[in-house]
Structure formats: C-alpha cells, structure tokens
C-alpha cells in the first residue's frame, strides 16, 4: 500500500465513523425522513470503497 492509498484508507475510516454517528442521531431524532436512507447509502458506498482498497 503506497502513501496515497494509506491516506485514502485513513480518510475512509474517519468518514465511516462520522457517518455512523450521524446515522445513529438521525434514527434517534428523525427530523428529516430522507436523512436515514441517505446516510445508509453513503455508509454502504464508503464500506465498498474500503473493501476495494483492501483487495488491492
């Protein structure tokens, strides 16, 4: 894993942690019903990219 991939890996971990917190908050206090599905989609995309990075 080169330096650029390592940085992207770290950024994705931070993004996933942030999205998980936002998703939990949106589930507890559903101000906007569109927030939960959007956070779930973004979280799934981040996990998919992370899995792709781990494969290479």
PDB file of N, CA and C in Angstrom:
ATOM      1  N   UNK A   1       0.855  -1.171   0.000  1.00  0.00           N
ATOM      2  CA  UNK A   1       0.000   0.000   0.000  1.00  0.00           C
ATOM      3  C   UNK A   1       0.904   1.239   0.000  1.00  0.00           C
ATOM      4  N   UNK A   2       0.724   2.083  -0.990  1.00  0.00           N
ATOM      5  CA  UNK A   2       1.547   3.279  -1.048  1.00  0.00           C
ATOM      6  C   UNK A   2       0.955   4.392  -0.172  1.00  0.00           C
ATOM      7  N   UNK A   3       1.638   5.500  -0.148  1.00  0.00           N
ATOM      8  CA  UNK A   3       1.270   6.602   0.743  1.00  0.00           C
ATOM      9  C   UNK A   3      -0.130   7.150   0.432  1.00  0.00           C
ATOM     10  N   UNK A   4      -0.454   7.258  -0.851  1.00  0.00           N
ATOM     11  CA  UNK A   4      -1.747   7.801  -1.262  1.00  0.00           C
ATOM     12  C   UNK A   4      -2.886   6.861  -0.846  1.00  0.00           C
ATOM     13  N   UNK A   5      -2.702   5.553  -1.023  1.00  0.00           N
ATOM     14  CA  UNK A   5      -3.714   4.588  -0.624  1.00  0.00           C
ATOM     15  C   UNK A   5      -3.888   4.572   0.890  1.00  0.00           C
ATOM     16  N   UNK A   6      -2.802   4.693   1.615  1.00  0.00           N
ATOM     17  CA  UNK A   6      -2.857   4.718   3.086  1.00  0.00           C
ATOM     18  C   UNK A   6      -3.664   5.922   3.557  1.00  0.00           C
ATOM     19  N   UNK A   7      -3.426   7.074   2.936  1.00  0.00           N
ATOM     20  CA  UNK A   7      -4.152   8.293   3.299  1.00  0.00           C
ATOM     21  C   UNK A   7      -5.646   8.127   3.004  1.00  0.00           C
ATOM     22  N   UNK A   8      -5.984   7.551   1.850  1.00  0.00           N
ATOM     23  CA  UNK A   8      -7.372   7.340   1.487  1.00  0.00           C
ATOM     24  C   UNK A   8      -8.046   6.367   2.458  1.00  0.00           C
ATOM     25  N   UNK A   9      -7.301   5.344   2.865  1.00  0.00           N
ATOM     26  CA  UNK A   9      -7.767   4.358   3.834  1.00  0.00           C
ATOM     27  C   UNK A   9      -8.125   5.051   5.155  1.00  0.00           C
ATOM     28  N   UNK A  10      -7.236   5.922   5.625  1.00  0.00           N
ATOM     29  CA  UNK A  10      -7.475   6.653   6.873  1.00  0.00           C
ATOM     30  C   UNK A  10      -8.669   7.595   6.756  1.00  0.00           C
ATOM     31  N   UNK A  11      -8.775   8.279   5.621  1.00  0.00           N
ATOM     32  CA  UNK A  11      -9.887   9.204   5.406  1.00  0.00           C
ATOM     33  C   UNK A  11     -11.209   8.447   5.388  1.00  0.00           C
ATOM     34  N   UNK A  12     -11.225   7.275   4.756  1.00  0.00           N
ATOM     35  CA  UNK A  12     -12.451   6.478   4.715  1.00  0.00           C
ATOM     36  C   UNK A  12     -12.850   6.001   6.105  1.00  0.00           C
ATOM     37  N   UNK A  13     -11.888   5.626   6.922  1.00  0.00           N
ATOM     38  CA  UNK A  13     -12.211   5.215   8.293  1.00  0.00           C
ATOM     39  C   UNK A  13     -12.835   6.364   9.074  1.00  0.00           C
ATOM     40  N   UNK A  14     -12.301   7.558   8.897  1.00  0.00           N
ATOM     41  CA  UNK A  14     -12.857   8.727   9.577  1.00  0.00           C
ATOM     42  C   UNK A  14     -14.271   9.025   9.069  1.00  0.00           C
ATOM     43  N   UNK A  15     -14.460   8.914   7.748  1.00  0.00           N
ATOM     44  CA  UNK A  15     -15.767   9.183   7.155  1.00  0.00           C
ATOM     45  C   UNK A  15     -16.801   8.175   7.650  1.00  0.00           C
ATOM     46  N   UNK A  16     -16.401   6.911   7.740  1.00  0.00           N
ATOM     47  CA  UNK A  16     -17.313   5.868   8.210  1.00  0.00           C
ATOM     48  C   UNK A  16     -17.718   6.123   9.659  1.00  0.00           C
ATOM     49  N   UNK A  17     -16.762   6.498  10.497  1.00  0.00           N
ATOM     50  CA  UNK A  17     -17.068   6.785  11.898  1.00  0.00           C
ATOM     51  C   UNK A  17     -18.056   7.953  12.006  1.00  0.00           C
ATOM     52  N   UNK A  18     -17.824   8.988  11.223  1.00  0.00           N
ATOM     53  CA  UNK A  18     -18.699  10.164  11.246  1.00  0.00           C
ATOM     54  C   UNK A  18     -20.102   9.806  10.753  1.00  0.00           C
ATOM     55  N   UNK A  19     -20.171   9.036   9.667  1.00  0.00           N
ATOM     56  CA  UNK A  19     -21.473   8.647   9.120  1.00  0.00           C
ATOM     57  C   UNK A  19     -22.252   7.758  10.080  1.00  0.00           C
ATOM     58  N   UNK A  20     -21.554   6.883  10.804  1.00  0.00           N
ATOM     59  CA  UNK A  20     -22.229   6.025  11.769  1.00  0.00           C
ATOM     60  C   UNK A  20     -22.837   6.850  12.891  1.00  0.00           C
ATOM     61  N   UNK A  21     -22.125   7.887  13.331  1.00  0.00           N
ATOM     62  CA  UNK A  21     -22.664   8.771  14.370  1.00  0.00           C
ATOM     63  C   UNK A  21     -23.868   9.547  13.858  1.00  0.00           C
ATOM     64  N   UNK A  22     -23.757  10.055  12.623  1.00  0.00           N
ATOM     65  CA  UNK A  22     -24.862  10.809  12.044  1.00  0.00           C
ATOM     66  C   UNK A  22     -26.085   9.916  11.841  1.00  0.00           C
ATOM     67  N   UNK A  23     -25.861   8.684  11.406  1.00  0.00           N
ATOM     68  CA  UNK A  23     -26.962   7.747  11.199  1.00  0.00           C
ATOM     69  C   UNK A  23     -27.655   7.431  12.522  1.00  0.00           C
ATOM     70  N   UNK A  24     -26.877   7.213  13.563  1.00  0.00           N
ATOM     71  CA  UNK A  24     -27.459   6.923  14.873  1.00  0.00           C
ATOM     72  C   UNK A  24     -28.291   8.118  15.353  1.00  0.00           C
ATOM     73  N   UNK A  25     -27.780   9.319  15.165  1.00  0.00           N
ATOM     74  CA  UNK A  25     -28.511  10.522  15.556  1.00  0.00           C
ATOM     75  C   UNK A  25     -29.785  10.702  14.758  1.00  0.00           C
ATOM     76  N   UNK A  26     -29.715  10.420  13.463  1.00  0.00           N
ATOM     77  CA  UNK A  26     -30.899  10.565  12.608  1.00  0.00           C
ATOM     78  C   UNK A  26     -31.969   9.547  12.978  1.00  0.00           C
ATOM     79  N   UNK A  27     -31.544   8.361  13.418  1.00  0.00           N
ATOM     80  CA  UNK A  27     -32.522   7.346  13.828  1.00  0.00           C
ATOM     81  C   UNK A  27     -33.180   7.715  15.150  1.00  0.00           C
ATOM     82  N   UNK A  28     -32.424   8.351  16.047  1.00  0.00           N
ATOM     83  CA  UNK A  28     -32.978   8.745  17.344  1.00  0.00           C
ATOM     84  C   UNK A  28     -33.916   9.936  17.210  1.00  0.00           C
ATOM     85  N   UNK A  29     -33.571  10.864  16.337  1.00  0.00           N
ATOM     86  CA  UNK A  29     -34.368  12.078  16.182  1.00  0.00           C
ATOM     87  C   UNK A  29     -34.641  12.306  14.692  1.00  0.00           C
ATOM     88  N   UNK A  30     -35.669  11.689  14.172  1.00  0.00           N
ATOM     89  CA  UNK A  30     -35.935  11.764  12.732  1.00  0.00           C
ATOM     90  C   UNK A  30     -36.568  13.094  12.307  1.00  0.00           C
ATOM     91  N   UNK A  31     -35.744  14.130  12.192  1.00  0.00           N
ATOM     92  CA  UNK A  31     -36.243  15.433  11.743  1.00  0.00           C
ATOM     93  C   UNK A  31     -36.618  15.387  10.266  1.00  0.00           C
ATOM     94  N   UNK A  32     -35.745  14.779   9.467  1.00  0.00           N
ATOM     95  CA  UNK A  32     -35.978  14.665   8.033  1.00  0.00           C
ATOM     96  C   UNK A  32     -35.984  13.184   7.670  1.00  0.00           C
ATOM     97  N   UNK A  33     -37.091  12.663   7.194  1.00  0.00           N
ATOM     98  CA  UNK A  33     -37.154  11.226   6.901  1.00  0.00           C
ATOM     99  C   UNK A  33     -36.183  10.774   5.812  1.00  0.00           C
ATOM    100  N   UNK A  34     -35.670  11.677   5.008  1.00  0.00           N
ATOM    101  CA  UNK A  34     -34.743  11.307   3.931  1.00  0.00           C
ATOM    102  C   UNK A  34     -33.313  11.139   4.439  1.00  0.00           C
ATOM    103  N   UNK A  35     -33.038  11.574   5.656  1.00  0.00           N
ATOM    104  CA  UNK A  35     -31.669  11.501   6.184  1.00  0.00           C
ATOM    105  C   UNK A  35     -31.193  10.065   6.386  1.00  0.00           C
ATOM    106  N   UNK A  36     -32.015   9.221   6.978  1.00  0.00           N
ATOM    107  CA  UNK A  36     -31.594   7.856   7.307  1.00  0.00           C
ATOM    108  C   UNK A  36     -31.198   7.081   6.048  1.00  0.00           C
ATOM    109  N   UNK A  37     -32.026   7.050   5.002  1.00  0.00           N
ATOM    110  CA  UNK A  37     -31.611   6.308   3.800  1.00  0.00           C
ATOM    111  C   UNK A  37     -30.361   6.906   3.143  1.00  0.00           C
ATOM    112  N   UNK A  38     -30.226   8.233   3.192  1.00  0.00           N
ATOM    113  CA  UNK A  38     -29.056   8.880   2.585  1.00  0.00           C
ATOM    114  C   UNK A  38     -27.792   8.485   3.332  1.00  0.00           C
ATOM    115  N   UNK A  39     -27.843   8.512   4.658  1.00  0.00           N
ATOM    116  CA  UNK A  39     -26.669   8.117   5.444  1.00  0.00           C
ATOM    117  C   UNK A  39     -26.339   6.641   5.217  1.00  0.00           C
ATOM    118  N   UNK A  40     -27.368   5.806   5.103  1.00  0.00           N
ATOM    119  CA  UNK A  40     -27.126   4.379   4.858  1.00  0.00           C
ATOM    120  C   UNK A  40     -26.473   4.159   3.501  1.00  0.00           C
ATOM    121  N   UNK A  41     -26.901   4.903   2.471  1.00  0.00           N
ATOM    122  CA  UNK A  41     -26.288   4.786   1.141  1.00  0.00           C
ATOM    123  C   UNK A  41     -24.834   5.240   1.163  1.00  0.00           C
ATOM    124  N   UNK A  42     -24.576   6.382   1.811  1.00  0.00           N
ATOM    125  CA  UNK A  42     -23.204   6.895   1.892  1.00  0.00           C
ATOM    126  C   UNK A  42     -22.308   5.936   2.662  1.00  0.00           C
ATOM    127  N   UNK A  43     -22.840   5.356   3.721  1.00  0.00           N
ATOM    128  CA  UNK A  43     -22.088   4.401   4.527  1.00  0.00           C
ATOM    129  C   UNK A  43     -21.770   3.144   3.717  1.00  0.00           C
ATOM    130  N   UNK A  44     -22.733   2.663   2.968  1.00  0.00           N
ATOM    131  CA  UNK A  44     -22.504   1.480   2.125  1.00  0.00           C
ATOM    132  C   UNK A  44     -21.455   1.771   1.054  1.00  0.00           C
ATOM    133  N   UNK A  45     -21.505   2.959   0.472  1.00  0.00           N
ATOM    134  CA  UNK A  45     -20.521   3.326  -0.552  1.00  0.00           C
ATOM    135  C   UNK A  45     -19.122   3.414   0.047  1.00  0.00           C
ATOM    136  N   UNK A  46     -19.011   3.977   1.235  1.00  0.00           N
ATOM    137  CA  UNK A  46     -17.707   4.092   1.895  1.00  0.00           C
ATOM    138  C   UNK A  46     -17.162   2.710   2.249  1.00  0.00           C
ATOM    139  N   UNK A  47     -18.024   1.820   2.713  1.00  0.00           N
ATOM    140  CA  UNK A  47     -17.591   0.448   3.026  1.00  0.00           C
ATOM    141  C   UNK A  47     -17.145  -0.281   1.760  1.00  0.00           C
ATOM    142  N   UNK A  48     -17.851  -0.066   0.648  1.00  0.00           N
ATOM    143  CA  UNK A  48     -17.488  -0.710  -0.614  1.00  0.00           C
ATOM    144  C   UNK A  48     -16.126  -0.219  -1.095  1.00  0.00           C
ATOM    145  N   UNK A  49     -15.888   1.084  -0.990  1.00  0.00           N
ATOM    146  CA  UNK A  49     -14.589   1.630  -1.405  1.00  0.00           C
ATOM    147  C   UNK A  49     -13.475   1.120  -0.510  1.00  0.00           C
ATOM    148  N   UNK A  50     -13.744   1.011   0.772  1.00  0.00           N
ATOM    149  CA  UNK A  50     -12.765   0.488   1.714  1.00  0.00           C
ATOM    150  C   UNK A  50     -12.438  -0.973   1.393  1.00  0.00           C
ATOM    151  N   UNK A  51     -13.442  -1.749   1.069  1.00  0.00           N
ATOM    152  CA  UNK A  51     -13.226  -3.153   0.702  1.00  0.00           C
ATOM    153  C   UNK A  51     -12.407  -3.249  -0.580  1.00  0.00           C
ATOM    154  N   UNK A  52     -12.668  -2.358  -1.513  1.00  0.00           N
ATOM    155  CA  UNK A  52     -11.900  -2.349  -2.757  1.00  0.00           C
ATOM    156  C   UNK A  52     -10.428  -2.009  -2.498  1.00  0.00           C
ATOM    157  N   UNK A  53     -10.192  -1.073  -1.596  1.00  0.00           N
ATOM    158  CA  UNK A  53      -8.815  -0.703  -1.256  1.00  0.00           C
ATOM    159  C   UNK A  53      -8.088  -1.862  -0.570  1.00  0.00           C
ATOM    160  N   UNK A  54      -8.807  -2.585   0.271  1.00  0.00           N
ATOM    161  CA  UNK A  54      -8.190  -3.711   0.984  1.00  0.00           C
ATOM    162  C   UNK A  54      -7.809  -4.826   0.015  1.00  0.00           C
ATOM    163  N   UNK A  55      -8.595  -4.993  -1.063  1.00  0.00           N
ATOM    164  CA  UNK A  55      -8.320  -6.041  -2.038  1.00  0.00           C
ATOM    165  C   UNK A  55      -7.042  -5.767  -2.823  1.00  0.00           C
ATOM    166  N   UNK A  56      -6.789  -4.513  -3.122  1.00  0.00           N
ATOM    167  CA  UNK A  56      -5.623  -4.174  -3.959  1.00  0.00           C
ATOM    168  C   UNK A  56      -4.366  -4.059  -3.175  1.00  0.00           C
TER     169      UNK A  56
END
